[in-house]
Amino acid sequence: MASAAAVDPGEQMAQWFETSLGKTLAHLTADSVSRLIPTGYYRTGYQAGYAHVDLLQRAEQSVSEILPGQTRALLDRELAVRCRPEQLPFGARSIDLLAIPFVLEFSSDPHAVLREAYSVLAPEGCLIICGFNRWSVWGLRRFLKRGVRRAPWNGRFLSIHQIQDWTRLLGLELTSAESVFYRPPVGQAGLLERLNFLEAAGDRWWPLFSGAYVVVVKKRAFGQSNVFEPVSGARRRPQKRLVSALPKHAAKGRLTVVRE
């Protein structure tokens, strides 16, 4: 049997999202995203990370990432790719709605992930970022479990202020943000249900200390010059990519891209 250290973090997260705690967080996150996405038309969408819940219901055509153990299930129902979040197989300015739920915590270079997201995001497109809050009971548990090699506790939790600062430096405009999940990270479904009253209390009394958050930012159109195009550390996107855009009638089709 492979050790925890040898298991991909994405696969660990896929397993964790099947637990009572993971399912509860996933559904609360999806509810928050549905409220926060600005009204508009989103032709193409891409969701990185574990696709336990669909955050792209507002997109006409969407692609999700394949994780180990998910391939067959995903290919049976939707377009799917397998790639690194720092190297997305899409052309520049081709994605209208991009979701990276709980991805930055497990990246060795979260700044590169955000730069890549900026590059593929179309003008007026929206980026959805979901993450674990380091300043919370969840963050405290992660600190106490440092050295544990199982997700999500082996991730690098970030604060919502870090996310807002990083995206602002890229020229992305904050449209909305919301704190999610004020209950402690307990695994028993019954106890989670009994602690549900903490959601309303936390939203009112300690909103900055939620276990997770959702941030939605928009890439504003500033003409062809791209005033806020990142310079430091940025790379020029090649003219030819694996996928330049989603096909016009791709909703029921299949797309598989594997990049090791």
Protein backbone atom coordinates (compact mmCIF):
# COMPACT_ATOMS: atom_id res chain seq x y z
CA MET A 1 0.00 0.00 0.00
CA ALA A 2 1.28 3.46 -0.87
CA SER A 3 2.15 5.68 2.03
CA ALA A 4 0.31 8.95 2.61
CA ALA A 5 3.41 10.80 1.44
CA ALA A 6 3.21 9.04 -1.93
CA VAL A 7 -0.45 9.86 -2.52
CA ASP A 8 -1.28 12.88 -4.65
CA PRO A 9 -2.83 15.73 -2.58
CA GLY A 10 -5.65 15.94 -5.11
CA GLU A 11 -6.49 12.30 -4.56
CA GLN A 12 -6.38 12.81 -0.80
CA MET A 13 -8.73 15.76 -1.11
CA ALA A 14 -11.07 13.68 -3.27
CA GLN A 15 -11.20 11.11 -0.49
CA TRP A 16 -11.65 13.76 2.20
CA PHE A 17 -14.55 15.37 0.36
CA GLU A 18 -16.37 12.04 0.63
CA THR A 19 -16.41 12.36 4.45
CA SER A 20 -19.24 14.03 6.36
CA LEU A 21 -17.06 17.06 7.06
CA GLY A 22 -15.91 17.33 3.46
CA LYS A 23 -19.41 17.00 2.02
CA THR A 24 -20.75 19.66 4.37
CA LEU A 25 -18.00 22.09 3.40
CA ALA A 26 -18.44 21.34 -0.31
CA HIS A 27 -22.16 22.09 -0.28
CA LEU A 28 -21.77 25.26 1.80
CA THR A 29 -19.08 26.40 -0.62
CA ALA A 30 -21.29 25.69 -3.64
CA ASP A 31 -24.17 27.64 -2.07
CA SER A 32 -21.87 30.60 -1.46
CA VAL A 33 -20.51 30.54 -5.01
CA SER A 34 -24.02 30.49 -6.48
CA ARG A 35 -24.83 33.68 -4.55
CA LEU A 36 -21.60 35.51 -5.31
CA ILE A 37 -21.09 35.02 -9.05
CA PRO A 38 -22.09 38.26 -10.81
CA THR A 39 -25.05 38.13 -13.14
CA GLY A 40 -23.94 37.72 -16.72
CA TYR A 41 -23.31 35.35 -19.60
CA TYR A 42 -20.43 32.90 -19.22
CA ARG A 43 -19.86 30.89 -22.36
CA THR A 44 -16.88 28.82 -21.22
CA GLY A 45 -15.92 27.60 -17.76
CA TYR A 46 -13.17 25.52 -16.18
CA GLN A 47 -13.01 24.06 -12.68
CA ALA A 48 -9.68 22.88 -11.30
CA GLY A 49 -9.29 20.65 -8.28
CA TYR A 50 -11.75 18.13 -6.94
CA ALA A 51 -15.12 18.39 -8.69
CA HIS A 52 -17.28 17.01 -5.87
CA VAL A 53 -19.73 19.84 -6.50
CA ASP A 54 -20.21 21.79 -9.71
CA LEU A 55 -19.26 25.44 -9.30
CA LEU A 56 -19.79 26.18 -13.00
CA GLN A 57 -23.55 25.88 -13.32
CA ARG A 58 -23.67 29.41 -14.72
CA ALA A 59 -21.36 28.50 -17.62
CA GLU A 60 -22.88 27.36 -20.92
CA GLN A 61 -20.01 24.94 -21.58
CA SER A 62 -17.67 23.70 -18.88
CA VAL A 63 -14.59 21.56 -18.39
CA SER A 64 -13.46 19.96 -15.13
CA GLU A 65 -10.15 18.51 -14.03
CA ILE A 66 -9.72 14.75 -13.79
CA LEU A 67 -8.17 13.41 -10.60
CA PRO A 68 -6.97 9.85 -9.98
CA GLY A 69 -9.94 7.55 -9.52
CA GLN A 70 -12.36 9.99 -11.17
CA THR A 71 -11.52 9.52 -14.83
CA ARG A 72 -14.29 7.17 -15.90
CA ALA A 73 -17.04 8.88 -13.91
CA LEU A 74 -16.12 12.31 -15.25
CA LEU A 75 -15.71 11.24 -18.85
CA ASP A 76 -19.13 9.63 -18.75
CA ARG A 77 -20.83 12.94 -18.08
CA GLU A 78 -18.77 15.95 -19.14
CA LEU A 79 -15.68 17.41 -20.72
CA ALA A 80 -12.60 16.79 -18.62
CA VAL A 81 -8.85 17.42 -18.67
CA ARG A 82 -5.92 16.46 -16.53
CA CYS A 83 -3.25 19.11 -16.15
CA ARG A 84 -1.32 21.19 -13.65
CA PRO A 85 -3.00 24.38 -12.41
CA GLU A 86 0.16 26.27 -13.37
CA GLN A 87 -0.09 25.00 -16.97
CA LEU A 88 -3.67 25.06 -18.17
CA PRO A 89 -4.33 23.71 -21.69
CA PHE A 90 -6.31 26.74 -22.83
CA GLY A 91 -5.53 29.73 -24.98
CA ALA A 92 -5.05 33.20 -23.56
CA ARG A 93 -8.30 35.03 -22.69
CA SER A 94 -10.44 31.98 -23.53
CA ILE A 95 -12.21 31.13 -20.23
CA ASP A 96 -15.11 33.22 -18.94
CA LEU A 97 -15.62 31.52 -15.59
CA LEU A 98 -12.69 29.86 -13.80
CA ALA A 99 -12.94 28.10 -10.43
CA ILE A 100 -9.98 26.97 -8.32
CA PRO A 101 -11.52 25.50 -5.15
CA PHE A 102 -8.96 24.54 -2.50
CA VAL A 103 -6.12 24.46 -5.02
CA LEU A 104 -3.72 27.17 -3.85
CA GLU A 105 -3.15 25.45 -0.50
CA PHE A 106 -1.51 22.48 -2.19
CA SER A 107 0.51 24.27 -4.86
CA SER A 108 4.25 24.77 -4.49
CA ASP A 109 3.81 28.10 -6.29
CA PRO A 110 0.35 29.62 -5.70
CA HIS A 111 1.45 32.84 -7.41
CA ALA A 112 2.09 30.89 -10.61
CA VAL A 113 -1.39 29.38 -10.36
CA LEU A 114 -2.92 32.85 -10.13
CA ARG A 115 -0.80 34.19 -13.00
CA GLU A 116 -1.94 31.28 -15.16
CA ALA A 117 -5.54 31.92 -14.17
CA TYR A 118 -5.16 35.57 -15.13
CA SER A 119 -3.69 34.61 -18.49
CA VAL A 120 -6.48 32.25 -19.58
CA LEU A 121 -9.27 34.40 -18.13
CA ALA A 122 -11.20 36.38 -20.71
CA PRO A 123 -11.81 40.13 -20.23
CA GLU A 124 -14.78 40.57 -17.89
CA GLY A 125 -14.36 36.93 -16.89
CA CYS A 126 -14.61 35.86 -13.25
CA LEU A 127 -12.20 33.85 -11.11
CA ILE A 128 -13.64 31.91 -8.14
CA ILE A 129 -11.19 31.09 -5.35
CA CYS A 130 -12.19 28.84 -2.45
CA GLY A 131 -9.75 28.25 0.38
CA PHE A 132 -9.15 27.20 3.96
CA ASN A 133 -8.74 30.12 6.37
CA ARG A 134 -5.50 30.01 8.33
CA TRP A 135 -6.96 32.29 11.05
CA SER A 136 -9.63 29.91 12.31
CA VAL A 137 -10.19 26.80 14.39
CA TRP A 138 -9.39 24.91 11.20
CA GLY A 139 -6.09 26.74 10.94
CA LEU A 140 -5.37 25.98 14.59
CA ARG A 141 -6.02 22.30 14.00
CA ARG A 142 -3.68 22.36 11.02
CA PHE A 143 -1.00 23.98 13.22
CA LEU A 144 -1.44 21.32 15.89
CA LYS A 145 -1.31 18.61 13.23
CA ARG A 146 1.81 19.95 11.52
CA GLY A 147 3.75 17.01 10.21
CA VAL A 148 0.56 15.14 9.31
CA ARG A 149 0.74 14.12 5.67
CA ARG A 150 -2.96 13.82 4.97
CA ALA A 151 -5.09 16.43 3.25
CA PRO A 152 -6.40 18.91 4.04
CA TRP A 153 -4.11 19.31 7.06
CA ASN A 154 -0.92 19.06 5.01
CA GLY A 155 -1.86 22.11 2.96
CA ARG A 156 -0.63 25.65 3.40
CA PHE A 157 -3.70 27.54 4.56
CA LEU A 158 -3.96 31.15 3.40
CA SER A 159 -5.92 34.10 4.73
CA ILE A 160 -8.59 35.86 2.74
CA HIS A 161 -6.50 39.03 2.94
CA GLN A 162 -3.57 37.27 1.25
CA ILE A 163 -5.85 36.19 -1.58
CA GLN A 164 -7.22 39.69 -1.99
CA ASP A 165 -3.72 41.21 -2.02
CA TRP A 166 -2.36 38.72 -4.55
CA THR A 167 -5.28 39.10 -6.94
CA ARG A 168 -5.20 42.89 -6.66
CA LEU A 169 -1.53 42.88 -7.68
CA LEU A 170 -2.55 41.06 -10.86
CA GLY A 171 -5.12 43.73 -11.63
CA LEU A 172 -8.11 41.55 -10.77
CA GLU A 173 -11.03 43.44 -9.26
CA LEU A 174 -12.78 42.08 -6.18
CA THR A 175 -16.50 41.67 -6.82
CA SER A 176 -17.52 39.73 -3.70
CA ALA A 177 -16.25 37.57 -0.86
CA GLU A 178 -17.89 35.47 1.80
CA SER A 179 -16.84 33.54 4.89
CA VAL A 180 -17.94 29.90 4.99
CA PHE A 181 -18.24 27.26 7.74
CA TYR A 182 -17.99 28.43 11.34
CA ARG A 183 -18.27 25.00 12.92
CA PRO A 184 -15.12 23.25 14.17
CA PRO A 185 -13.72 20.51 11.92
CA VAL A 186 -15.39 17.53 13.56
CA GLY A 187 -16.01 14.35 11.61
CA GLN A 188 -19.25 13.09 13.13
CA ALA A 189 -22.29 13.94 10.99
CA GLY A 190 -24.61 14.13 14.00
CA LEU A 191 -22.36 16.55 15.86
CA LEU A 192 -21.98 18.70 12.76
CA GLU A 193 -25.75 18.91 12.54
CA ARG A 194 -26.10 19.91 16.21
CA LEU A 195 -23.49 22.64 15.76
CA ASN A 196 -25.28 24.15 12.79
CA PHE A 197 -26.40 27.11 14.93
CA LEU A 198 -22.79 28.35 14.84
CA GLU A 199 -23.20 29.32 11.18
CA ALA A 200 -25.60 32.17 11.92
CA ALA A 201 -23.71 33.18 15.07
CA GLY A 202 -20.34 33.19 13.35
CA ASP A 203 -21.59 35.17 10.40
CA ARG A 204 -22.70 37.87 12.81
CA TRP A 205 -20.08 37.84 15.56
CA TRP A 206 -16.80 36.44 14.19
CA PRO A 207 -16.94 36.55 10.37
CA LEU A 208 -13.15 36.69 9.98
CA PHE A 209 -12.61 33.36 11.71
CA SER A 210 -14.56 31.02 9.45
CA GLY A 211 -13.03 27.73 8.43
CA ALA A 212 -13.11 28.63 4.74
CA TYR A 213 -13.90 31.46 2.36
CA VAL A 214 -15.00 32.19 -1.19
CA VAL A 215 -13.52 35.08 -3.16
CA VAL A 216 -14.77 36.16 -6.60
CA VAL A 217 -12.66 38.55 -8.68
CA LYS A 218 -13.11 39.88 -12.20
CA LYS A 219 -10.64 40.60 -14.99
CA ARG A 220 -11.64 43.98 -16.31
CA ALA A 221 -11.32 44.81 -20.00
CA PHE A 222 -8.84 47.63 -20.57
CA GLY A 223 -8.52 47.35 -24.33
CA GLN A 224 -5.84 45.43 -26.16
CA SER A 225 -2.96 46.79 -24.12
CA ASN A 226 -3.77 44.81 -20.96
CA VAL A 227 -2.69 47.55 -18.56
CA PHE A 228 -2.38 45.20 -15.61
CA GLU A 229 -0.63 42.33 -17.37
CA PRO A 230 1.81 40.89 -14.77
CA VAL A 231 5.47 41.45 -15.58
CA SER A 232 7.65 39.98 -12.86
CA GLY A 233 7.93 36.22 -13.20
CA ALA A 234 5.36 36.09 -15.98
CA ARG A 235 5.93 34.02 -19.07
CA ARG A 236 4.68 34.67 -22.59
CA ARG A 237 1.95 32.22 -23.50
CA PRO A 238 2.76 30.23 -26.67
CA GLN A 239 0.58 30.88 -29.67
CA LYS A 240 -0.28 27.20 -30.00
CA ARG A 241 -1.89 25.49 -27.03
CA LEU A 242 -3.49 22.11 -26.58
CA VAL A 243 -6.90 23.78 -26.51
CA SER A 244 -7.51 27.32 -27.73
CA ALA A 245 -11.17 27.41 -26.68
CA LEU A 246 -14.05 25.08 -26.12
CA PRO A 247 -15.85 23.90 -29.25
CA LYS A 248 -19.13 25.66 -29.98
CA HIS A 249 -21.20 22.50 -29.47
CA ALA A 250 -19.10 20.89 -26.75
CA ALA A 251 -21.69 20.62 -24.01
CA LYS A 252 -22.33 16.94 -24.62
CA GLY A 253 -18.96 16.08 -26.12
CA ARG A 254 -15.74 14.84 -24.64
CA LEU A 255 -12.34 16.39 -24.36
CA THR A 256 -9.45 14.60 -22.70
CA VAL A 257 -6.06 16.22 -22.27
CA VAL A 258 -3.42 14.43 -20.20
CA ARG A 259 -0.30 16.33 -19.26
CA GLU A 260 2.18 14.71 -16.89
